Amino acid sequence: MRIAALLITAGLLGTAAAAPAAETPLQLEAKIPLGEVSGRIDHMAADVKRQRLFVAELGNNTVGVIDLAERKLLQRLSGLKEPQGVGYEPASDMIYVANARDGSVNLFQGTDLASAGVIALGSDADNVRIDPRTNRVIVGYGKGALAIIDPASRRKIGEVPIARHPEGFQLDPESSRVFINVPDARSIVVVDTAAGKQITTWPQSGRSGNFPMALDLARHQVLAVFRQPAELAILAMSDGAAVAKLPVCGDSDDVFVDAKRQRAYVGCGEGFIDVIDLQAKPAARVAHIATASGARTALFMPDLDRLAIAVPARGATPAAIWLFRPVP
């Protein structure tokens, strides 16, 4: 089914779909209130089939469940311990929530959002990724490891050790390689999950705070965003060779590639989204779009063709999900 048809069925297009000619690359379509949520908001995931967005409300010890079609808060999952990462595994219809405080991973059923168990990892469970190639759930945690979880048995079946705590990481869809930001070591490391070991390290001297990462598969490139200085580094997936670097907004925590438009979106706590043209030679920032202070986590949903930005409650600004529609 074409994306346009899917969005019309879901009720996400509406009257805002007819965009004037000369517009910014992202159009703010809706502000969905999160209700009484305090503190930091971390990462997000989506159940595309049900049009649901899961929001890790770390400071609130909850996960908000947003109905994107109705644009409202559907439910809040509680009993969590500083949830940082969240992932949805469609084959088993399960939501995985990684907790920073005790290193546990809570499971919830996709059908009714009921609790489905807990997997203990040890400490500081963080980013969650789903590997459709192997049907595994990968979680970064502790002082340095990726845990490999089997959705069928709902247990950890292996891990890959890393020198320091992993932050943002991405899976190569064509191999068993995983590219990992390790800001405490000022490096990007590459591991092989099939071999169960780290295979190379790309030192990043002169810059630090590399938390967000994305893969530009069309050009076989790794996109890593640093906080000191605030810049996007583009590296070759093959060997980590520098391709380009450019300044971006400050306090970034998420970056995504829009393959349809050959762009990257960088979400920053400074209160901006930067839009990067990946086809330009070299890549260039083409838009600097204002959001809200602290709104540094995001999720781009290609199947829904929408970018969600998590806005924390600060001053007169209430906690909300800001939903953007890419154009053209």
C-alpha atoms as a PDB file:
ATOM      1  CA  MET A   1       0.000   0.000   0.000  1.00  0.00           C
ATOM      2  CA  ARG A   2       1.322   3.403  -0.883  1.00  0.00           C
ATOM      3  CA  ILE A   3       2.187   5.755   2.005  1.00  0.00           C
ATOM      4  CA  ALA A   4      -0.353   8.343   0.869  1.00  0.00           C
ATOM      5  CA  ALA A   5      -3.161   5.792   0.910  1.00  0.00           C
ATOM      6  CA  LEU A   6      -2.126   4.565   4.346  1.00  0.00           C
ATOM      7  CA  LEU A   7      -2.121   8.066   5.777  1.00  0.00           C
ATOM      8  CA  ILE A   8      -5.529   8.924   4.338  1.00  0.00           C
ATOM      9  CA  THR A   9      -6.959   5.750   5.862  1.00  0.00           C
ATOM     10  CA  ALA A  10      -5.385   6.586   9.207  1.00  0.00           C
ATOM     11  CA  GLY A  11      -6.772  10.113   9.177  1.00  0.00           C
ATOM     12  CA  LEU A  12      -3.350  11.713   9.463  1.00  0.00           C
ATOM     13  CA  LEU A  13      -3.453  13.831   6.328  1.00  0.00           C
ATOM     14  CA  GLY A  14      -6.598  15.914   6.670  1.00  0.00           C
ATOM     15  CA  THR A  15      -6.743  19.491   5.421  1.00  0.00           C
ATOM     16  CA  ALA A  16      -3.081  20.161   6.255  1.00  0.00           C
ATOM     17  CA  ALA A  17      -1.954  17.945   3.367  1.00  0.00           C
ATOM     18  CA  ALA A  18      -2.344  20.673   0.747  1.00  0.00           C
ATOM     19  CA  ALA A  19       0.916  22.556   1.309  1.00  0.00           C
ATOM     20  CA  PRO A  20       1.745  25.843  -0.361  1.00  0.00           C
ATOM     21  CA  ALA A  21       4.691  25.902  -2.734  1.00  0.00           C
ATOM     22  CA  ALA A  22       7.525  27.610  -0.857  1.00  0.00           C
ATOM     23  CA  GLU A  23       7.492  26.093   2.613  1.00  0.00           C
ATOM     24  CA  THR A  24      10.026  24.811   5.110  1.00  0.00           C
ATOM     25  CA  PRO A  25      10.866  21.085   4.799  1.00  0.00           C
ATOM     26  CA  LEU A  26       8.871  20.256   7.955  1.00  0.00           C
ATOM     27  CA  GLN A  27       5.367  21.529   8.683  1.00  0.00           C
ATOM     28  CA  LEU A  28       4.049  21.443  12.259  1.00  0.00           C
ATOM     29  CA  GLU A  29       0.818  19.490  12.003  1.00  0.00           C
ATOM     30  CA  ALA A  30      -0.273  18.874  15.613  1.00  0.00           C
ATOM     31  CA  LYS A  31       0.645  19.309  19.269  1.00  0.00           C
ATOM     32  CA  ILE A  32      -0.534  16.262  21.229  1.00  0.00           C
ATOM     33  CA  PRO A  33      -0.670  16.908  25.009  1.00  0.00           C
ATOM     34  CA  LEU A  34       1.040  14.359  27.236  1.00  0.00           C
ATOM     35  CA  GLY A  35      -0.802  15.462  30.367  1.00  0.00           C
ATOM     36  CA  GLU A  36       0.858  15.552  33.780  1.00  0.00           C
ATOM     37  CA  VAL A  37       4.401  14.591  32.824  1.00  0.00           C
ATOM     38  CA  SER A  38       7.365  16.079  34.620  1.00  0.00           C
ATOM     39  CA  GLY A  39      11.083  15.877  34.011  1.00  0.00           C
ATOM     40  CA  ARG A  40      13.076  14.522  31.148  1.00  0.00           C
ATOM     41  CA  ILE A  41      11.570  12.692  28.172  1.00  0.00           C
ATOM     42  CA  ASP A  42      13.744  10.157  26.396  1.00  0.00           C
ATOM     43  CA  HIS A  43      13.407   7.941  23.345  1.00  0.00           C
ATOM     44  CA  MET A  44      10.325   6.759  21.421  1.00  0.00           C
ATOM     45  CA  ALA A  45       9.077   3.883  19.268  1.00  0.00           C
ATOM     46  CA  ALA A  46       6.003   3.222  17.143  1.00  0.00           C
ATOM     47  CA  ASP A  47       3.495   0.463  16.474  1.00  0.00           C
ATOM     48  CA  VAL A  48       2.701   1.519  12.910  1.00  0.00           C
ATOM     49  CA  LYS A  49      -0.184  -0.901  12.389  1.00  0.00           C
ATOM     50  CA  ARG A  50      -2.113   0.475  15.370  1.00  0.00           C
ATOM     51  CA  GLN A  51      -0.885   4.051  14.847  1.00  0.00           C
ATOM     52  CA  ARG A  52       0.572   4.158  18.369  1.00  0.00           C
ATOM     53  CA  LEU A  53       3.581   6.093  19.620  1.00  0.00           C
ATOM     54  CA  PHE A  54       5.400   5.000  22.797  1.00  0.00           C
ATOM     55  CA  VAL A  55       7.158   7.788  24.715  1.00  0.00           C
ATOM     56  CA  ALA A  56       9.766   7.027  27.411  1.00  0.00           C
ATOM     57  CA  GLU A  57       8.913   9.558  30.138  1.00  0.00           C
ATOM     58  CA  LEU A  58      12.096   9.050  32.161  1.00  0.00           C
ATOM     59  CA  GLY A  59      11.471  11.740  34.769  1.00  0.00           C
ATOM     60  CA  ASN A  60       7.937  10.474  35.314  1.00  0.00           C
ATOM     61  CA  ASN A  61       8.847   6.747  35.494  1.00  0.00           C
ATOM     62  CA  THR A  62       6.192   6.064  32.853  1.00  0.00           C
ATOM     63  CA  VAL A  63       5.707   5.409  29.146  1.00  0.00           C
ATOM     64  CA  GLY A  64       3.041   7.434  27.406  1.00  0.00           C
ATOM     65  CA  VAL A  65       1.010   5.679  24.707  1.00  0.00           C
ATOM     66  CA  ILE A  66      -0.198   8.097  22.033  1.00  0.00           C
ATOM     67  CA  ASP A  67      -2.959   7.390  19.523  1.00  0.00           C
ATOM     68  CA  LEU A  68      -1.581   9.126  16.432  1.00  0.00           C
ATOM     69  CA  ALA A  69      -4.776   8.775  14.397  1.00  0.00           C
ATOM     70  CA  GLU A  70      -6.881  10.414  17.121  1.00  0.00           C
ATOM     71  CA  ARG A  71      -3.990  12.597  18.272  1.00  0.00           C
ATOM     72  CA  LYS A  72      -4.501  11.976  21.964  1.00  0.00           C
ATOM     73  CA  LEU A  73      -2.958  10.242  24.969  1.00  0.00           C
ATOM     74  CA  LEU A  74      -4.383   6.733  25.045  1.00  0.00           C
ATOM     75  CA  GLN A  75      -2.787   5.301  28.169  1.00  0.00           C
ATOM     76  CA  ARG A  76       0.217   5.556  30.450  1.00  0.00           C
ATOM     77  CA  LEU A  77       2.351   2.547  31.409  1.00  0.00           C
ATOM     78  CA  SER A  78       3.579   2.818  35.000  1.00  0.00           C
ATOM     79  CA  GLY A  79       5.771   0.945  37.475  1.00  0.00           C
ATOM     80  CA  LEU A  80       8.944   1.726  35.523  1.00  0.00           C
ATOM     81  CA  LYS A  81      12.349   2.875  36.777  1.00  0.00           C
ATOM     82  CA  GLU A  82      13.689   5.751  34.694  1.00  0.00           C
ATOM     83  CA  PRO A  83      12.727   4.396  31.267  1.00  0.00           C
ATOM     84  CA  GLN A  84      15.247   5.483  28.633  1.00  0.00           C
ATOM     85  CA  GLY A  85      14.765   3.292  25.582  1.00  0.00           C
ATOM     86  CA  VAL A  86      11.675   1.737  24.079  1.00  0.00           C
ATOM     87  CA  GLY A  87      11.205  -0.599  21.121  1.00  0.00           C
ATOM     88  CA  TYR A  88       8.281  -2.372  19.458  1.00  0.00           C
ATOM     89  CA  GLU A  89       8.847  -5.875  18.033  1.00  0.00           C
ATOM     90  CA  PRO A  90       6.003  -6.561  15.558  1.00  0.00           C
ATOM     91  CA  ALA A  91       6.452 -10.319  15.046  1.00  0.00           C
ATOM     92  CA  SER A  92       5.749 -11.047  18.720  1.00  0.00           C
ATOM     93  CA  ASP A  93       3.622  -7.884  19.135  1.00  0.00           C
ATOM     94  CA  MET A  94       5.646  -6.826  22.161  1.00  0.00           C
ATOM     95  CA  ILE A  95       6.854  -3.518  23.593  1.00  0.00           C
ATOM     96  CA  TYR A  96      10.284  -3.444  25.264  1.00  0.00           C
ATOM     97  CA  VAL A  97      11.108  -0.687  27.784  1.00  0.00           C
ATOM     98  CA  ALA A  98      14.705  -0.292  29.037  1.00  0.00           C
ATOM     99  CA  ASN A  99      15.151   1.185  32.534  1.00  0.00           C
ATOM    100  CA  ALA A 100      18.199   3.197  33.577  1.00  0.00           C
ATOM    101  CA  ARG A 101      17.824   2.894  37.337  1.00  0.00           C
ATOM    102  CA  ASP A 102      18.040  -0.893  37.704  1.00  0.00           C
ATOM    103  CA  GLY A 103      18.967  -2.112  34.231  1.00  0.00           C
ATOM    104  CA  SER A 104      15.739  -4.037  33.734  1.00  0.00           C
ATOM    105  CA  VAL A 105      13.686  -4.364  30.554  1.00  0.00           C
ATOM    106  CA  ASN A 106       9.906  -4.386  30.987  1.00  0.00           C
ATOM    107  CA  LEU A 107       7.714  -6.142  28.426  1.00  0.00           C
ATOM    108  CA  PHE A 108       4.150  -5.160  27.510  1.00  0.00           C
ATOM    109  CA  GLN A 109       1.742  -6.863  25.138  1.00  0.00           C
ATOM    110  CA  GLY A 110       0.816  -4.873  22.062  1.00  0.00           C
ATOM    111  CA  THR A 111      -2.813  -6.003  22.098  1.00  0.00           C
ATOM    112  CA  ASP A 112      -3.927  -4.703  25.495  1.00  0.00           C
ATOM    113  CA  LEU A 113      -0.701  -3.106  26.841  1.00  0.00           C
ATOM    114  CA  ALA A 114      -0.688  -5.565  29.747  1.00  0.00           C
ATOM    115  CA  SER A 115       2.567  -6.361  31.535  1.00  0.00           C
ATOM    116  CA  ALA A 116       4.303  -9.404  30.019  1.00  0.00           C
ATOM    117  CA  GLY A 117       7.354  -9.818  32.235  1.00  0.00           C
ATOM    118  CA  VAL A 118      10.735  -8.337  33.116  1.00  0.00           C
ATOM    119  CA  ILE A 119      14.229  -9.177  31.894  1.00  0.00           C
ATOM    120  CA  ALA A 120      17.068  -8.265  34.297  1.00  0.00           C
ATOM    121  CA  LEU A 121      20.236  -7.035  32.571  1.00  0.00           C
ATOM    122  CA  GLY A 122      22.186  -5.509  35.456  1.00  0.00           C
ATOM    123  CA  SER A 123      22.428  -1.726  35.189  1.00  0.00           C
ATOM    124  CA  ASP A 124      21.671   1.313  33.038  1.00  0.00           C
ATOM    125  CA  ALA A 125      19.588  -0.279  30.265  1.00  0.00           C
ATOM    126  CA  ASP A 126      19.414   2.311  27.504  1.00  0.00           C
ATOM    127  CA  ASN A 127      18.761   2.265  23.749  1.00  0.00           C
ATOM    128  CA  VAL A 128      16.613  -0.488  22.226  1.00  0.00           C
ATOM    129  CA  ARG A 129      16.810  -1.655  18.605  1.00  0.00           C
ATOM    130  CA  ILE A 130      14.868  -4.333  16.741  1.00  0.00           C
ATOM    131  CA  ASP A 131      16.805  -6.520  14.294  1.00  0.00           C
ATOM    132  CA  PRO A 132      14.318  -7.785  11.673  1.00  0.00           C
ATOM    133  CA  ARG A 133      17.071  -9.752   9.954  1.00  0.00           C
ATOM    134  CA  THR A 134      17.560 -12.095  12.923  1.00  0.00           C
ATOM    135  CA  ASN A 135      14.308 -11.407  14.788  1.00  0.00           C
ATOM    136  CA  ARG A 136      16.195 -10.294  17.880  1.00  0.00           C
ATOM    137  CA  VAL A 137      15.925  -7.336  20.264  1.00  0.00           C
ATOM    138  CA  ILE A 138      19.205  -5.532  21.019  1.00  0.00           C
ATOM    139  CA  VAL A 139      19.618  -3.411  24.164  1.00  0.00           C
ATOM    140  CA  GLY A 140      22.638  -1.324  25.157  1.00  0.00           C
ATOM    141  CA  TYR A 141      23.329  -1.422  28.874  1.00  0.00           C
ATOM    142  CA  GLY A 142      25.749  -1.313  31.795  1.00  0.00           C
ATOM    143  CA  LYS A 143      29.380  -0.280  31.720  1.00  0.00           C
ATOM    144  CA  GLY A 144      29.686  -1.676  28.199  1.00  0.00           C
ATOM    145  CA  ALA A 145      27.565  -4.323  26.478  1.00  0.00           C
ATOM    146  CA  LEU A 146      24.831  -5.053  23.965  1.00  0.00           C
ATOM    147  CA  ALA A 147      22.308  -7.597  25.229  1.00  0.00           C
ATOM    148  CA  ILE A 148      20.677  -9.888  22.666  1.00  0.00           C
ATOM    149  CA  ILE A 149      17.113 -10.874  23.543  1.00  0.00           C
ATOM    150  CA  ASP A 150      15.044 -13.611  21.909  1.00  0.00           C
ATOM    151  CA  PRO A 151      11.406 -12.444  21.584  1.00  0.00           C
ATOM    152  CA  ALA A 152      10.118 -16.031  21.430  1.00  0.00           C
ATOM    153  CA  SER A 153      11.557 -17.095  24.799  1.00  0.00           C
ATOM    154  CA  ARG A 154      11.596 -13.552  26.254  1.00  0.00           C
ATOM    155  CA  ARG A 155      15.078 -13.957  27.675  1.00  0.00           C
ATOM    156  CA  LYS A 156      18.620 -12.771  27.063  1.00  0.00           C
ATOM    157  CA  ILE A 157      20.432 -15.287  24.875  1.00  0.00           C
ATOM    158  CA  GLY A 158      23.763 -13.497  24.488  1.00  0.00           C
ATOM    159  CA  GLU A 159      25.723 -10.281  24.691  1.00  0.00           C
ATOM    160  CA  VAL A 160      28.548  -8.437  23.016  1.00  0.00           C
ATOM    161  CA  PRO A 161      31.048  -6.692  25.343  1.00  0.00           C
ATOM    162  CA  ILE A 162      32.110  -3.091  24.632  1.00  0.00           C
ATOM    163  CA  ALA A 163      34.821  -1.020  26.324  1.00  0.00           C
ATOM    164  CA  ARG A 164      32.406   1.606  27.738  1.00  0.00           C
ATOM    165  CA  HIS A 165      28.656   2.303  27.983  1.00  0.00           C
ATOM    166  CA  PRO A 166      26.963   2.336  24.538  1.00  0.00           C
ATOM    167  CA  GLU A 167      24.744   5.223  23.542  1.00  0.00           C
ATOM    168  CA  GLY A 168      23.021   5.549  20.152  1.00  0.00           C
ATOM    169  CA  PHE A 169      23.657   2.564  17.873  1.00  0.00           C
ATOM    170  CA  GLN A 170      22.407   1.289  14.527  1.00  0.00           C
ATOM    171  CA  LEU A 171      22.227  -2.149  12.891  1.00  0.00           C
ATOM    172  CA  ASP A 172      23.495  -2.794   9.391  1.00  0.00           C
ATOM    173  CA  PRO A 173      20.528  -4.474   7.622  1.00  0.00           C
ATOM    174  CA  GLU A 174      22.850  -6.369   5.283  1.00  0.00           C
ATOM    175  CA  SER A 175      25.216  -7.906   7.837  1.00  0.00           C
ATOM    176  CA  SER A 176      25.683  -8.660  11.526  1.00  0.00           C
ATOM    177  CA  ARG A 177      27.572  -5.392  12.101  1.00  0.00           C
ATOM    178  CA  VAL A 178      26.394  -2.844  14.649  1.00  0.00           C
ATOM    179  CA  PHE A 179      27.755   0.726  14.723  1.00  0.00           C
ATOM    180  CA  ILE A 180      27.845   2.178  18.243  1.00  0.00           C
ATOM    181  CA  ASN A 181      28.462   5.617  19.716  1.00  0.00           C
ATOM    182  CA  VAL A 182      30.679   5.363  22.809  1.00  0.00           C
ATOM    183  CA  PRO A 183      31.032   8.972  24.005  1.00  0.00           C
ATOM    184  CA  ASP A 184      32.910   8.082  27.213  1.00  0.00           C
ATOM    185  CA  ALA A 185      35.687   6.676  25.016  1.00  0.00           C
ATOM    186  CA  ARG A 186      35.347   9.446  22.378  1.00  0.00           C
ATOM    187  CA  SER A 187      34.887   6.813  19.722  1.00  0.00           C
ATOM    188  CA  ILE A 188      32.556   4.896  17.465  1.00  0.00           C
ATOM    189  CA  VAL A 189      32.951   1.141  17.640  1.00  0.00           C
ATOM    190  CA  VAL A 190      31.774  -1.601  15.326  1.00  0.00           C
ATOM    191  CA  VAL A 191      30.778  -5.008  16.673  1.00  0.00           C
ATOM    192  CA  ASP A 192      29.794  -8.250  14.996  1.00  0.00           C
ATOM    193  CA  THR A 193      26.817  -9.790  16.781  1.00  0.00           C
ATOM    194  CA  ALA A 194      27.293 -13.144  15.010  1.00  0.00           C
ATOM    195  CA  ALA A 195      30.891 -13.343  16.224  1.00  0.00           C
ATOM    196  CA  GLY A 196      29.977 -11.795  19.572  1.00  0.00           C
ATOM    197  CA  LYS A 197      32.850  -9.339  19.607  1.00  0.00           C
ATOM    198  CA  GLN A 198      34.034  -5.819  18.817  1.00  0.00           C
ATOM    199  CA  ILE A 199      35.816  -5.760  15.461  1.00  0.00           C
ATOM    200  CA  THR A 200      37.068  -2.166  15.120  1.00  0.00           C
ATOM    201  CA  THR A 201      37.200   1.255  16.740  1.00  0.00           C
ATOM    202  CA  TRP A 202      37.029   4.665  15.054  1.00  0.00           C
ATOM    203  CA  PRO A 203      38.579   7.260  17.425  1.00  0.00           C
ATOM    204  CA  GLN A 204      36.927  10.688  17.387  1.00  0.00           C
ATOM    205  CA  SER A 205      39.604  12.973  18.788  1.00  0.00           C
ATOM    206  CA  GLY A 206      38.796  16.647  19.170  1.00  0.00           C
ATOM    207  CA  ARG A 207      35.059  16.110  19.638  1.00  0.00           C
ATOM    208  CA  SER A 208      32.811  14.437  22.202  1.00  0.00           C
ATOM    209  CA  GLY A 209      29.215  13.828  23.185  1.00  0.00           C
ATOM    210  CA  ASN A 210      28.361  11.579  20.252  1.00  0.00           C
ATOM    211  CA  PHE A 211      24.933  10.339  21.335  1.00  0.00           C
ATOM    212  CA  PRO A 212      22.701  10.239  18.192  1.00  0.00           C
ATOM    213  CA  MET A 213      23.428   8.007  15.208  1.00  0.00           C
ATOM    214  CA  ALA A 214      21.731   7.062  11.935  1.00  0.00           C
ATOM    215  CA  LEU A 215      22.691   5.148   8.799  1.00  0.00           C
ATOM    216  CA  ASP A 216      22.458   6.632   5.319  1.00  0.00           C
ATOM    217  CA  LEU A 217      22.123   3.356   3.451  1.00  0.00           C
ATOM    218  CA  ALA A 218      21.865   4.944   0.001  1.00  0.00           C
ATOM    219  CA  ARG A 219      25.426   6.245   0.341  1.00  0.00           C
ATOM    220  CA  HIS A 220      26.707   3.603   2.822  1.00  0.00           C
ATOM    221  CA  GLN A 221      27.451   6.226   5.453  1.00  0.00           C
ATOM    222  CA  VAL A 222      27.259   6.550   9.234  1.00  0.00           C
ATOM    223  CA  LEU A 223      25.832   9.805  10.575  1.00  0.00           C
ATOM    224  CA  ALA A 224      27.001  10.639  14.118  1.00  0.00           C
ATOM    225  CA  VAL A 225      26.076  13.876  15.865  1.00  0.00           C
ATOM    226  CA  PHE A 226      28.390  15.368  18.504  1.00  0.00           C
ATOM    227  CA  ARG A 227      27.589  17.880  21.234  1.00  0.00           C
ATOM    228  CA  GLN A 228      31.108  19.314  21.714  1.00  0.00           C
ATOM    229  CA  PRO A 229      31.412  20.899  19.228  1.00  0.00           C
ATOM    230  CA  ALA A 230      27.858  20.689  17.888  1.00  0.00           C
ATOM    231  CA  GLU A 231      28.441  19.025  14.549  1.00  0.00           C
ATOM    232  CA  LEU A 232      27.331  16.202  12.301  1.00  0.00           C
ATOM    233  CA  ALA A 233      30.076  13.829  11.196  1.00  0.00           C
ATOM    234  CA  ILE A 234      29.504  11.688   8.109  1.00  0.00           C
ATOM    235  CA  LEU A 235      31.710   8.582   7.919  1.00  0.00           C
ATOM    236  CA  ALA A 236      32.061   5.713   5.470  1.00  0.00           C
ATOM    237  CA  MET A 237      30.407   2.539   6.739  1.00  0.00           C
ATOM    238  CA  SER A 238      33.261   0.472   5.313  1.00  0.00           C
ATOM    239  CA  ASP A 239      36.147   1.894   7.335  1.00  0.00           C
ATOM    240  CA  GLY A 240      35.055   5.044   9.232  1.00  0.00           C
ATOM    241  CA  ALA A 241      36.810   7.378   6.828  1.00  0.00           C
ATOM    242  CA  ALA A 242      35.648  10.993   7.117  1.00  0.00           C
ATOM    243  CA  VAL A 243      33.286  12.018   4.324  1.00  0.00           C
ATOM    244  CA  ALA A 244      32.038  15.372   5.624  1.00  0.00           C
ATOM    245  CA  LYS A 245      31.270  17.376   8.745  1.00  0.00           C
ATOM    246  CA  LEU A 246      28.999  20.367   9.303  1.00  0.00           C
ATOM    247  CA  PRO A 247      27.712  22.425  12.228  1.00  0.00           C
ATOM    248  CA  VAL A 248      24.289  21.588  13.652  1.00  0.00           C
ATOM    249  CA  CYS A 249      22.067  22.693  16.535  1.00  0.00           C
ATOM    250  CA  GLY A 250      23.219  22.109  20.117  1.00  0.00           C
ATOM    251  CA  ASP A 251      22.353  19.377  22.654  1.00  0.00           C
ATOM    252  CA  SER A 252      21.308  16.792  20.077  1.00  0.00           C
ATOM    253  CA  ASP A 253      19.891  13.416  21.090  1.00  0.00           C
ATOM    254  CA  ASP A 254      18.370  11.967  17.921  1.00  0.00           C
ATOM    255  CA  VAL A 255      19.082  11.907  14.193  1.00  0.00           C
ATOM    256  CA  PHE A 256      17.085  10.134  11.475  1.00  0.00           C
ATOM    257  CA  VAL A 257      17.402   9.649   7.744  1.00  0.00           C
ATOM    258  CA  ASP A 258      14.403  10.321   5.503  1.00  0.00           C
ATOM    259  CA  ALA A 259      15.323   8.009   2.611  1.00  0.00           C
ATOM    260  CA  LYS A 260      12.405   9.172   0.485  1.00  0.00           C
ATOM    261  CA  ARG A 261      13.668  12.763   0.415  1.00  0.00           C
ATOM    262  CA  GLN A 262      17.375  12.039   1.002  1.00  0.00           C
ATOM    263  CA  ARG A 263      17.447  14.198   4.124  1.00  0.00           C
ATOM    264  CA  ALA A 264      18.498  13.861   7.743  1.00  0.00           C
ATOM    265  CA  TYR A 265      16.610  15.345  10.701  1.00  0.00           C
ATOM    266  CA  VAL A 266      18.576  16.309  13.833  1.00  0.00           C
ATOM    267  CA  GLY A 267      16.600  16.952  17.039  1.00  0.00           C
ATOM    268  CA  CYS A 268      18.239  19.295  19.561  1.00  0.00           C
ATOM    269  CA  GLY A 269      17.536  20.374  23.139  1.00  0.00           C
ATOM    270  CA  GLU A 270      18.639  23.854  22.132  1.00  0.00           C
ATOM    271  CA  GLY A 271      15.147  24.083  20.649  1.00  0.00           C
ATOM    272  CA  PHE A 272      15.611  23.331  16.962  1.00  0.00           C
ATOM    273  CA  ILE A 273      15.367  20.651  14.299  1.00  0.00           C
ATOM    274  CA  ASP A 274      18.068  20.852  11.667  1.00  0.00           C
ATOM    275  CA  VAL A 275      17.287  19.481   8.206  1.00  0.00           C
ATOM    276  CA  ILE A 276      20.301  18.188   6.266  1.00  0.00           C
ATOM    277  CA  ASP A 277      20.369  17.663   2.510  1.00  0.00           C
ATOM    278  CA  LEU A 278      22.306  14.414   2.093  1.00  0.00           C
ATOM    279  CA  GLN A 279      22.396  14.646  -1.708  1.00  0.00           C
ATOM    280  CA  ALA A 280      24.350  17.911  -1.673  1.00  0.00           C
ATOM    281  CA  LYS A 281      28.095  17.680  -2.216  1.00  0.00           C
ATOM    282  CA  PRO A 282      29.063  18.108   0.511  1.00  0.00           C
ATOM    283  CA  ALA A 283      25.953  17.557   2.671  1.00  0.00           C
ATOM    284  CA  ALA A 284      24.452  20.854   3.815  1.00  0.00           C
ATOM    285  CA  ARG A 285      21.987  22.192   6.358  1.00  0.00           C
ATOM    286  CA  VAL A 286      18.922  23.522   4.525  1.00  0.00           C
ATOM    287  CA  ALA A 287      16.617  24.401   7.438  1.00  0.00           C
ATOM    288  CA  HIS A 288      16.887  25.357  11.125  1.00  0.00           C
ATOM    289  CA  ILE A 289      13.355  24.949  12.516  1.00  0.00           C
ATOM    290  CA  ALA A 290      12.408  26.232  15.981  1.00  0.00           C
ATOM    291  CA  THR A 291      10.766  23.800  18.434  1.00  0.00           C
ATOM    292  CA  ALA A 292      10.997  24.196  22.237  1.00  0.00           C
ATOM    293  CA  SER A 293      13.705  24.163  24.888  1.00  0.00           C
ATOM    294  CA  GLY A 294      14.697  20.622  25.868  1.00  0.00           C
ATOM    295  CA  ALA A 295      12.974  19.004  22.868  1.00  0.00           C
ATOM    296  CA  ARG A 296      15.947  16.892  21.889  1.00  0.00           C
ATOM    297  CA  THR A 297      14.415  13.430  21.373  1.00  0.00           C
ATOM    298  CA  ALA A 298      12.580  12.526  18.200  1.00  0.00           C
ATOM    299  CA  LEU A 299      11.282   9.671  16.062  1.00  0.00           C
ATOM    300  CA  PHE A 300      10.920   9.637  12.296  1.00  0.00           C
ATOM    301  CA  MET A 301       8.274   7.139  11.133  1.00  0.00           C
ATOM    302  CA  PRO A 302       8.777   6.459   7.411  1.00  0.00           C
ATOM    303  CA  ASP A 303       5.625   4.352   7.032  1.00  0.00           C
ATOM    304  CA  LEU A 304       3.551   7.221   8.423  1.00  0.00           C
ATOM    305  CA  ASP A 305       5.750   9.906   6.880  1.00  0.00           C
ATOM    306  CA  ARG A 306       5.830  11.873  10.118  1.00  0.00           C
ATOM    307  CA  LEU A 307       8.470  13.206  12.530  1.00  0.00           C
ATOM    308  CA  ALA A 308       7.553  13.256  16.225  1.00  0.00           C
ATOM    309  CA  ILE A 309       9.396  15.576  18.638  1.00  0.00           C
ATOM    310  CA  ALA A 310       9.089  15.068  22.411  1.00  0.00           C
ATOM    311  CA  VAL A 311       8.672  18.420  24.180  1.00  0.00           C
ATOM    312  CA  PRO A 312       9.185  18.329  27.984  1.00  0.00           C
ATOM    313  CA  ALA A 313       7.210  20.528  30.375  1.00  0.00           C
ATOM    314  CA  ARG A 314       9.197  23.726  30.943  1.00  0.00           C
ATOM    315  CA  GLY A 315       7.774  26.995  32.197  1.00  0.00           C
ATOM    316  CA  ALA A 316       4.617  27.801  30.248  1.00  0.00           C
ATOM    317  CA  THR A 317       5.291  25.048  27.706  1.00  0.00           C
ATOM    318  CA  PRO A 318       3.367  21.849  28.552  1.00  0.00           C
ATOM    319  CA  ALA A 319       4.688  18.359  27.858  1.00  0.00           C
ATOM    320  CA  ALA A 320       3.583  17.289  24.399  1.00  0.00           C
ATOM    321  CA  ILE A 321       4.422  15.475  21.213  1.00  0.00           C
ATOM    322  CA  TRP A 322       4.842  17.851  18.292  1.00  0.00           C
ATOM    323  CA  LEU A 323       4.025  16.101  15.037  1.00  0.00           C
ATOM    324  CA  PHE A 324       5.689  17.352  11.850  1.00  0.00           C
ATOM    325  CA  ARG A 325       4.842  16.492   8.249  1.00  0.00           C
ATOM    326  CA  PRO A 326       7.762  16.499   5.795  1.00  0.00           C
ATOM    327  CA  VAL A 327       7.245  18.369   2.512  1.00  0.00           C
ATOM    328  CA  PRO A 328       7.165  18.098  -0.374  1.00  0.00           C
END
